Amino acid sequence: MWADTLEALERTHLLRLVIWGAASVLAGTGILAWLRVGSRQSPLLQHFGIQSAAWGAAEIALALALWTQVAPRDVVGATRLDRLLWLNIGLDTGYVLVGLALGTIGWKLGRRLGFVGAGIAVVVQGCALALLDLALVAQIST
């Protein structure tokens, strides 16, 4: 793979991350606004919205910070990127497991729906990040 092709794939990955982060922020704040405007009470939706918006903001900030560092890579740099992606996929899997644990614990400890909502949001974010990272790995592995 040529260095300019890898650079374009990396920029596309970061753009996808920004889009996912923006969608998460919009969905999370939309849910919170809907709850606030309608004077509704739903701990599950409230904590899902908070987690979604927070994760989305962090994803946008990270992607924009990394955008300025994207440059053509040599073989060593490409290998480093591949290893970093696999590390991230492992961390994404950990996020999913933490979200599942949070939701399960919240459900088992007296149906604490705030924990369940937060856990579901963490699972969604972990799955989405893993899919984005796996897509880039698939592209650079061919």
N, C-alpha and C. Protein backbone atom coordinates (compact mmCIF):
# COMPACT_ATOMS: atom_id res chain seq x y z
N MET A 1 0.85 -1.17 0.00
CA MET A 1 0.00 0.00 0.00
C MET A 1 0.90 1.24 0.00
N TRP A 2 0.50 2.20 -0.77
CA TRP A 2 1.26 3.44 -0.87
C TRP A 2 0.97 4.34 0.33
N ALA A 3 1.94 5.17 0.66
CA ALA A 3 1.82 6.06 1.83
C ALA A 3 0.65 7.03 1.68
N ASP A 4 0.42 7.55 0.47
CA ASP A 4 -0.67 8.49 0.29
C ASP A 4 -2.03 7.80 0.41
N THR A 5 -2.12 6.55 0.00
CA THR A 5 -3.36 5.79 0.15
C THR A 5 -3.65 5.55 1.63
N LEU A 6 -2.64 5.16 2.38
CA LEU A 6 -2.81 4.94 3.82
C LEU A 6 -3.20 6.24 4.51
N GLU A 7 -2.57 7.33 4.12
CA GLU A 7 -2.91 8.63 4.70
C GLU A 7 -4.38 8.98 4.43
N ALA A 8 -4.84 8.74 3.21
CA ALA A 8 -6.25 9.02 2.88
C ALA A 8 -7.19 8.12 3.67
N LEU A 9 -6.83 6.85 3.84
CA LEU A 9 -7.66 5.95 4.63
C LEU A 9 -7.73 6.38 6.10
N GLU A 10 -6.60 6.84 6.60
CA GLU A 10 -6.55 7.30 8.00
C GLU A 10 -7.41 8.55 8.18
N ARG A 11 -7.35 9.48 7.24
CA ARG A 11 -8.18 10.68 7.31
C ARG A 11 -9.66 10.33 7.19
N THR A 12 -9.98 9.39 6.33
CA THR A 12 -11.38 8.95 6.20
C THR A 12 -11.86 8.33 7.51
N HIS A 13 -11.01 7.55 8.15
CA HIS A 13 -11.35 6.95 9.45
C HIS A 13 -11.64 8.03 10.49
N LEU A 14 -10.79 9.05 10.53
CA LEU A 14 -11.00 10.13 11.49
C LEU A 14 -12.27 10.92 11.16
N LEU A 15 -12.56 11.09 9.89
CA LEU A 15 -13.80 11.76 9.50
C LEU A 15 -15.01 10.95 9.94
N ARG A 16 -14.95 9.64 9.76
CA ARG A 16 -16.04 8.77 10.23
C ARG A 16 -16.20 8.88 11.74
N LEU A 17 -15.09 8.97 12.45
CA LEU A 17 -15.14 9.11 13.90
C LEU A 17 -15.79 10.44 14.30
N VAL A 18 -15.47 11.51 13.58
CA VAL A 18 -16.11 12.81 13.85
C VAL A 18 -17.61 12.73 13.57
N ILE A 19 -17.99 12.09 12.48
CA ILE A 19 -19.41 11.96 12.14
C ILE A 19 -20.14 11.14 13.20
N TRP A 20 -19.55 10.03 13.63
CA TRP A 20 -20.17 9.23 14.68
C TRP A 20 -20.26 10.03 15.98
N GLY A 21 -19.19 10.76 16.32
CA GLY A 21 -19.21 11.58 17.53
C GLY A 21 -20.29 12.65 17.47
N ALA A 22 -20.41 13.30 16.31
CA ALA A 22 -21.44 14.34 16.16
C ALA A 22 -22.84 13.74 16.26
N ALA A 23 -23.03 12.57 15.66
CA ALA A 23 -24.34 11.90 15.77
C ALA A 23 -24.64 11.53 17.22
N SER A 24 -23.63 11.10 17.95
CA SER A 24 -23.82 10.76 19.36
C SER A 24 -24.16 11.99 20.19
N VAL A 25 -23.46 13.09 19.93
CA VAL A 25 -23.76 14.34 20.65
C VAL A 25 -25.18 14.80 20.34
N LEU A 26 -25.55 14.77 19.06
CA LEU A 26 -26.90 15.20 18.68
C LEU A 26 -27.97 14.30 19.29
N ALA A 27 -27.75 12.99 19.23
CA ALA A 27 -28.73 12.07 19.80
C ALA A 27 -28.83 12.25 21.32
N GLY A 28 -27.69 12.33 21.97
CA GLY A 28 -27.69 12.47 23.43
C GLY A 28 -28.34 13.76 23.89
N THR A 29 -27.96 14.87 23.27
CA THR A 29 -28.56 16.15 23.67
C THR A 29 -30.02 16.22 23.24
N GLY A 30 -30.35 15.58 22.13
CA GLY A 30 -31.75 15.54 21.71
C GLY A 30 -32.63 14.81 22.72
N ILE A 31 -32.12 13.68 23.20
CA ILE A 31 -32.86 12.92 24.22
C ILE A 31 -33.00 13.75 25.49
N LEU A 32 -31.92 14.38 25.91
CA LEU A 32 -31.97 15.19 27.13
C LEU A 32 -32.92 16.38 26.97
N ALA A 33 -32.91 17.02 25.80
CA ALA A 33 -33.82 18.14 25.55
C ALA A 33 -35.26 17.67 25.53
N TRP A 34 -35.51 16.52 24.91
CA TRP A 34 -36.87 15.97 24.86
C TRP A 34 -37.39 15.68 26.27
N LEU A 35 -36.52 15.15 27.13
CA LEU A 35 -36.91 14.89 28.51
C LEU A 35 -37.20 16.19 29.25
N ARG A 36 -36.33 17.19 29.04
CA ARG A 36 -36.47 18.46 29.75
C ARG A 36 -37.71 19.22 29.29
N VAL A 37 -37.91 19.33 27.98
CA VAL A 37 -39.03 20.12 27.44
C VAL A 37 -40.37 19.50 27.84
N GLY A 38 -40.44 18.18 27.82
CA GLY A 38 -41.70 17.52 28.15
C GLY A 38 -41.88 17.25 29.62
N SER A 39 -40.96 17.71 30.44
CA SER A 39 -40.99 17.45 31.88
C SER A 39 -41.15 15.96 32.17
N ARG A 40 -40.44 15.16 31.40
CA ARG A 40 -40.51 13.71 31.56
C ARG A 40 -39.41 13.24 32.52
N GLN A 41 -39.67 12.14 33.18
CA GLN A 41 -38.70 11.53 34.08
C GLN A 41 -38.38 10.13 33.58
N SER A 42 -37.16 9.93 33.16
CA SER A 42 -36.71 8.60 32.73
C SER A 42 -35.21 8.50 33.01
N PRO A 43 -34.86 7.90 34.15
CA PRO A 43 -33.44 7.75 34.46
C PRO A 43 -32.69 6.99 33.37
N LEU A 44 -33.33 5.99 32.76
CA LEU A 44 -32.68 5.22 31.71
C LEU A 44 -32.31 6.12 30.55
N LEU A 45 -33.26 6.89 30.03
CA LEU A 45 -32.99 7.78 28.90
C LEU A 45 -32.05 8.92 29.28
N GLN A 46 -32.21 9.43 30.49
CA GLN A 46 -31.35 10.53 30.92
C GLN A 46 -29.89 10.10 30.94
N HIS A 47 -29.60 8.96 31.52
CA HIS A 47 -28.21 8.51 31.61
C HIS A 47 -27.69 8.02 30.26
N PHE A 48 -28.58 7.46 29.44
CA PHE A 48 -28.18 7.10 28.08
C PHE A 48 -27.79 8.36 27.31
N GLY A 49 -28.59 9.42 27.43
CA GLY A 49 -28.30 10.67 26.75
C GLY A 49 -27.01 11.32 27.22
N ILE A 50 -26.80 11.32 28.53
CA ILE A 50 -25.59 11.91 29.09
C ILE A 50 -24.35 11.17 28.58
N GLN A 51 -24.38 9.83 28.66
CA GLN A 51 -23.25 9.04 28.20
C GLN A 51 -23.00 9.23 26.71
N SER A 52 -24.07 9.23 25.92
CA SER A 52 -23.93 9.39 24.47
C SER A 52 -23.29 10.73 24.12
N ALA A 53 -23.79 11.79 24.73
CA ALA A 53 -23.26 13.12 24.45
C ALA A 53 -21.80 13.24 24.90
N ALA A 54 -21.48 12.70 26.06
CA ALA A 54 -20.11 12.79 26.57
C ALA A 54 -19.14 11.99 25.71
N TRP A 55 -19.51 10.77 25.36
CA TRP A 55 -18.64 9.96 24.50
C TRP A 55 -18.48 10.64 23.14
N GLY A 56 -19.56 11.17 22.60
CA GLY A 56 -19.48 11.82 21.30
C GLY A 56 -18.54 13.01 21.32
N ALA A 57 -18.63 13.82 22.37
CA ALA A 57 -17.74 14.98 22.48
C ALA A 57 -16.29 14.54 22.59
N ALA A 58 -16.03 13.49 23.36
CA ALA A 58 -14.66 12.99 23.49
C ALA A 58 -14.14 12.44 22.16
N GLU A 59 -15.00 11.74 21.42
CA GLU A 59 -14.59 11.20 20.12
C GLU A 59 -14.26 12.31 19.13
N ILE A 60 -15.08 13.35 19.12
CA ILE A 60 -14.81 14.48 18.22
C ILE A 60 -13.48 15.14 18.59
N ALA A 61 -13.29 15.40 19.87
CA ALA A 61 -12.05 16.05 20.32
C ALA A 61 -10.82 15.21 19.96
N LEU A 62 -10.90 13.91 20.17
CA LEU A 62 -9.77 13.03 19.86
C LEU A 62 -9.50 13.01 18.36
N ALA A 63 -10.55 12.87 17.56
CA ALA A 63 -10.36 12.81 16.10
C ALA A 63 -9.78 14.10 15.56
N LEU A 64 -10.26 15.23 16.06
CA LEU A 64 -9.73 16.51 15.59
C LEU A 64 -8.29 16.72 16.02
N ALA A 65 -7.94 16.26 17.21
CA ALA A 65 -6.56 16.37 17.66
C ALA A 65 -5.64 15.48 16.82
N LEU A 66 -6.12 14.29 16.47
CA LEU A 66 -5.31 13.38 15.66
C LEU A 66 -5.23 13.81 14.20
N TRP A 67 -6.23 14.55 13.73
CA TRP A 67 -6.27 14.99 12.33
C TRP A 67 -5.00 15.74 11.95
N THR A 68 -4.52 16.60 12.86
CA THR A 68 -3.34 17.42 12.56
C THR A 68 -2.06 16.59 12.52
N GLN A 69 -2.09 15.38 13.08
CA GLN A 69 -0.90 14.55 13.14
C GLN A 69 -0.82 13.52 12.02
N VAL A 70 -1.85 13.47 11.17
CA VAL A 70 -1.84 12.49 10.08
C VAL A 70 -0.82 12.93 9.03
N ALA A 71 0.06 12.02 8.69
CA ALA A 71 1.10 12.28 7.70
C ALA A 71 1.40 10.97 6.98
N PRO A 72 2.07 11.07 5.85
CA PRO A 72 2.45 9.83 5.17
C PRO A 72 3.31 8.95 6.10
N ARG A 73 3.06 7.66 6.06
CA ARG A 73 3.77 6.74 6.94
C ARG A 73 4.68 5.82 6.13
N ASP A 74 5.82 5.50 6.74
CA ASP A 74 6.68 4.47 6.15
C ASP A 74 6.21 3.12 6.69
N VAL A 75 6.96 2.07 6.44
CA VAL A 75 6.55 0.73 6.85
C VAL A 75 6.45 0.63 8.37
N VAL A 76 7.40 1.24 9.07
CA VAL A 76 7.37 1.20 10.53
C VAL A 76 6.14 1.95 11.06
N GLY A 77 5.84 3.10 10.48
CA GLY A 77 4.66 3.86 10.89
C GLY A 77 3.37 3.14 10.60
N ALA A 78 3.31 2.45 9.46
CA ALA A 78 2.11 1.68 9.10
C ALA A 78 1.92 0.51 10.07
N THR A 79 3.02 -0.13 10.44
CA THR A 79 2.95 -1.23 11.40
C THR A 79 2.49 -0.72 12.76
N ARG A 80 2.99 0.43 13.15
CA ARG A 80 2.60 1.03 14.42
C ARG A 80 1.10 1.36 14.42
N LEU A 81 0.61 1.89 13.30
CA LEU A 81 -0.81 2.19 13.18
C LEU A 81 -1.64 0.92 13.29
N ASP A 82 -1.22 -0.14 12.62
CA ASP A 82 -1.94 -1.42 12.68
C ASP A 82 -2.01 -1.94 14.11
N ARG A 83 -0.90 -1.88 14.80
CA ARG A 83 -0.86 -2.37 16.20
C ARG A 83 -1.71 -1.49 17.11
N LEU A 84 -1.69 -0.19 16.86
CA LEU A 84 -2.53 0.72 17.64
C LEU A 84 -4.01 0.44 17.41
N LEU A 85 -4.37 0.16 16.17
CA LEU A 85 -5.76 -0.17 15.88
C LEU A 85 -6.20 -1.44 16.60
N TRP A 86 -5.34 -2.45 16.61
CA TRP A 86 -5.71 -3.69 17.31
C TRP A 86 -5.79 -3.46 18.82
N LEU A 87 -4.93 -2.62 19.36
CA LEU A 87 -5.05 -2.25 20.77
C LEU A 87 -6.39 -1.55 21.02
N ASN A 88 -6.76 -0.62 20.14
CA ASN A 88 -8.04 0.08 20.28
C ASN A 88 -9.22 -0.89 20.20
N ILE A 89 -9.13 -1.87 19.31
CA ILE A 89 -10.21 -2.86 19.21
C ILE A 89 -10.33 -3.64 20.51
N GLY A 90 -9.21 -3.97 21.12
CA GLY A 90 -9.25 -4.62 22.44
C GLY A 90 -9.87 -3.72 23.49
N LEU A 91 -9.53 -2.45 23.47
CA LEU A 91 -10.14 -1.51 24.42
C LEU A 91 -11.63 -1.34 24.16
N ASP A 92 -12.01 -1.30 22.87
CA ASP A 92 -13.42 -1.19 22.52
C ASP A 92 -14.21 -2.39 23.06
N THR A 93 -13.61 -3.56 22.97
CA THR A 93 -14.24 -4.77 23.52
C THR A 93 -14.38 -4.63 25.03
N GLY A 94 -13.38 -4.06 25.66
CA GLY A 94 -13.46 -3.80 27.10
C GLY A 94 -14.58 -2.84 27.44
N TYR A 95 -14.78 -1.80 26.62
CA TYR A 95 -15.89 -0.87 26.85
C TYR A 95 -17.22 -1.60 26.80
N VAL A 96 -17.36 -2.49 25.82
CA VAL A 96 -18.61 -3.25 25.69
C VAL A 96 -18.84 -4.09 26.95
N LEU A 97 -17.79 -4.74 27.42
CA LEU A 97 -17.91 -5.57 28.62
C LEU A 97 -18.23 -4.74 29.86
N VAL A 98 -17.60 -3.58 29.98
CA VAL A 98 -17.89 -2.69 31.10
C VAL A 98 -19.34 -2.22 31.03
N GLY A 99 -19.80 -1.86 29.84
CA GLY A 99 -21.20 -1.45 29.68
C GLY A 99 -22.16 -2.56 30.04
N LEU A 100 -21.86 -3.78 29.61
CA LEU A 100 -22.71 -4.92 29.97
C LEU A 100 -22.72 -5.14 31.48
N ALA A 101 -21.56 -5.02 32.10
CA ALA A 101 -21.49 -5.18 33.55
C ALA A 101 -22.27 -4.09 34.26
N LEU A 102 -22.13 -2.86 33.80
CA LEU A 102 -22.84 -1.73 34.41
C LEU A 102 -24.35 -1.92 34.30
N GLY A 103 -24.80 -2.29 33.12
CA GLY A 103 -26.24 -2.51 32.93
C GLY A 103 -26.76 -3.67 33.75
N THR A 104 -25.99 -4.76 33.79
CA THR A 104 -26.41 -5.94 34.55
C THR A 104 -26.45 -5.64 36.05
N ILE A 105 -25.43 -4.98 36.53
CA ILE A 105 -25.39 -4.63 37.96
C ILE A 105 -26.55 -3.70 38.31
N GLY A 106 -26.79 -2.71 37.45
CA GLY A 106 -27.91 -1.81 37.69
C GLY A 106 -29.25 -2.53 37.71
N TRP A 107 -29.41 -3.51 36.85
CA TRP A 107 -30.66 -4.26 36.79
C TRP A 107 -30.80 -5.16 38.02
N LYS A 108 -29.71 -5.82 38.40
CA LYS A 108 -29.76 -6.75 39.53
C LYS A 108 -29.90 -6.03 40.87
N LEU A 109 -29.40 -4.81 40.97
CA LEU A 109 -29.48 -4.07 42.23
C LEU A 109 -30.74 -3.23 42.29
N GLY A 110 -31.86 -3.84 42.09
CA GLY A 110 -33.12 -3.14 42.29
C GLY A 110 -33.56 -2.29 41.12
N ARG A 111 -33.25 -2.71 39.91
CA ARG A 111 -33.73 -2.02 38.71
C ARG A 111 -33.34 -0.54 38.69
N ARG A 112 -32.08 -0.29 38.94
CA ARG A 112 -31.57 1.09 38.87
C ARG A 112 -31.37 1.44 37.40
N LEU A 113 -32.39 2.05 36.83
CA LEU A 113 -32.43 2.25 35.40
C LEU A 113 -31.39 3.27 34.91
N GLY A 114 -30.91 4.13 35.78
CA GLY A 114 -29.83 5.04 35.40
C GLY A 114 -28.58 4.26 35.02
N PHE A 115 -28.25 3.26 35.82
CA PHE A 115 -27.09 2.40 35.52
C PHE A 115 -27.33 1.62 34.23
N VAL A 116 -28.55 1.14 34.05
CA VAL A 116 -28.88 0.37 32.85
C VAL A 116 -28.74 1.26 31.61
N GLY A 117 -29.26 2.48 31.66
CA GLY A 117 -29.15 3.40 30.54
C GLY A 117 -27.71 3.75 30.21
N ALA A 118 -26.93 4.01 31.24
CA ALA A 118 -25.51 4.31 31.02
C ALA A 118 -24.79 3.09 30.44
N GLY A 119 -25.12 1.91 30.95
CA GLY A 119 -24.49 0.70 30.44
C GLY A 119 -24.83 0.46 28.97
N ILE A 120 -26.08 0.68 28.60
CA ILE A 120 -26.48 0.50 27.20
C ILE A 120 -25.72 1.48 26.31
N ALA A 121 -25.59 2.72 26.75
CA ALA A 121 -24.86 3.72 25.95
C ALA A 121 -23.39 3.34 25.78
N VAL A 122 -22.78 2.82 26.82
CA VAL A 122 -21.37 2.42 26.73
C VAL A 122 -21.23 1.23 25.78
N VAL A 123 -22.17 0.30 25.81
CA VAL A 123 -22.14 -0.83 24.88
C VAL A 123 -22.27 -0.32 23.44
N VAL A 124 -23.19 0.60 23.20
CA VAL A 124 -23.38 1.14 21.85
C VAL A 124 -22.10 1.83 21.37
N GLN A 125 -21.50 2.64 22.22
CA GLN A 125 -20.28 3.35 21.84
C GLN A 125 -19.13 2.37 21.59
N GLY A 126 -18.97 1.38 22.46
CA GLY A 126 -17.91 0.40 22.28
C GLY A 126 -18.06 -0.38 20.99
N CYS A 127 -19.29 -0.78 20.67
CA CYS A 127 -19.53 -1.53 19.43
C CYS A 127 -19.25 -0.65 18.21
N ALA A 128 -19.70 0.59 18.25
CA ALA A 128 -19.48 1.49 17.11
C ALA A 128 -18.00 1.76 16.90
N LEU A 129 -17.27 2.01 17.98
CA LEU A 129 -15.83 2.26 17.85
C LEU A 129 -15.10 1.03 17.34
N ALA A 130 -15.50 -0.15 17.81
CA ALA A 130 -14.87 -1.38 17.33
C ALA A 130 -15.13 -1.56 15.84
N LEU A 131 -16.35 -1.29 15.39
CA LEU A 131 -16.66 -1.42 13.97
C LEU A 131 -15.87 -0.44 13.12
N LEU A 132 -15.74 0.80 13.60
CA LEU A 132 -14.96 1.79 12.86
C LEU A 132 -13.49 1.37 12.78
N ASP A 133 -12.94 0.89 13.88
CA ASP A 133 -11.54 0.46 13.89
C ASP A 133 -11.35 -0.79 13.02
N LEU A 134 -12.28 -1.72 13.10
CA LEU A 134 -12.19 -2.93 12.27
C LEU A 134 -12.29 -2.60 10.78
N ALA A 135 -13.08 -1.60 10.45
CA ALA A 135 -13.19 -1.20 9.04
C ALA A 135 -11.85 -0.70 8.52
N LEU A 136 -11.15 0.10 9.33
CA LEU A 136 -9.83 0.59 8.90
C LEU A 136 -8.82 -0.55 8.83
N VAL A 137 -8.85 -1.45 9.80
CA VAL A 137 -7.94 -2.60 9.76
C VAL A 137 -8.18 -3.41 8.50
N ALA A 138 -9.44 -3.63 8.15
CA ALA A 138 -9.75 -4.40 6.93
C ALA A 138 -9.22 -3.69 5.69
N GLN A 139 -9.30 -2.38 5.67
CA GLN A 139 -8.84 -1.62 4.51
C GLN A 139 -7.32 -1.65 4.37
N ILE A 140 -6.61 -1.56 5.49
CA ILE A 140 -5.15 -1.51 5.38
C ILE A 140 -4.53 -2.90 5.31
N SER A 141 -5.31 -3.92 5.61
CA SER A 141 -4.79 -5.30 5.56
C SER A 141 -4.88 -5.90 4.16
N THR A 142 -5.59 -5.24 3.25
CA THR A 142 -5.75 -5.83 1.92
C THR A 142 -4.64 -5.44 0.99
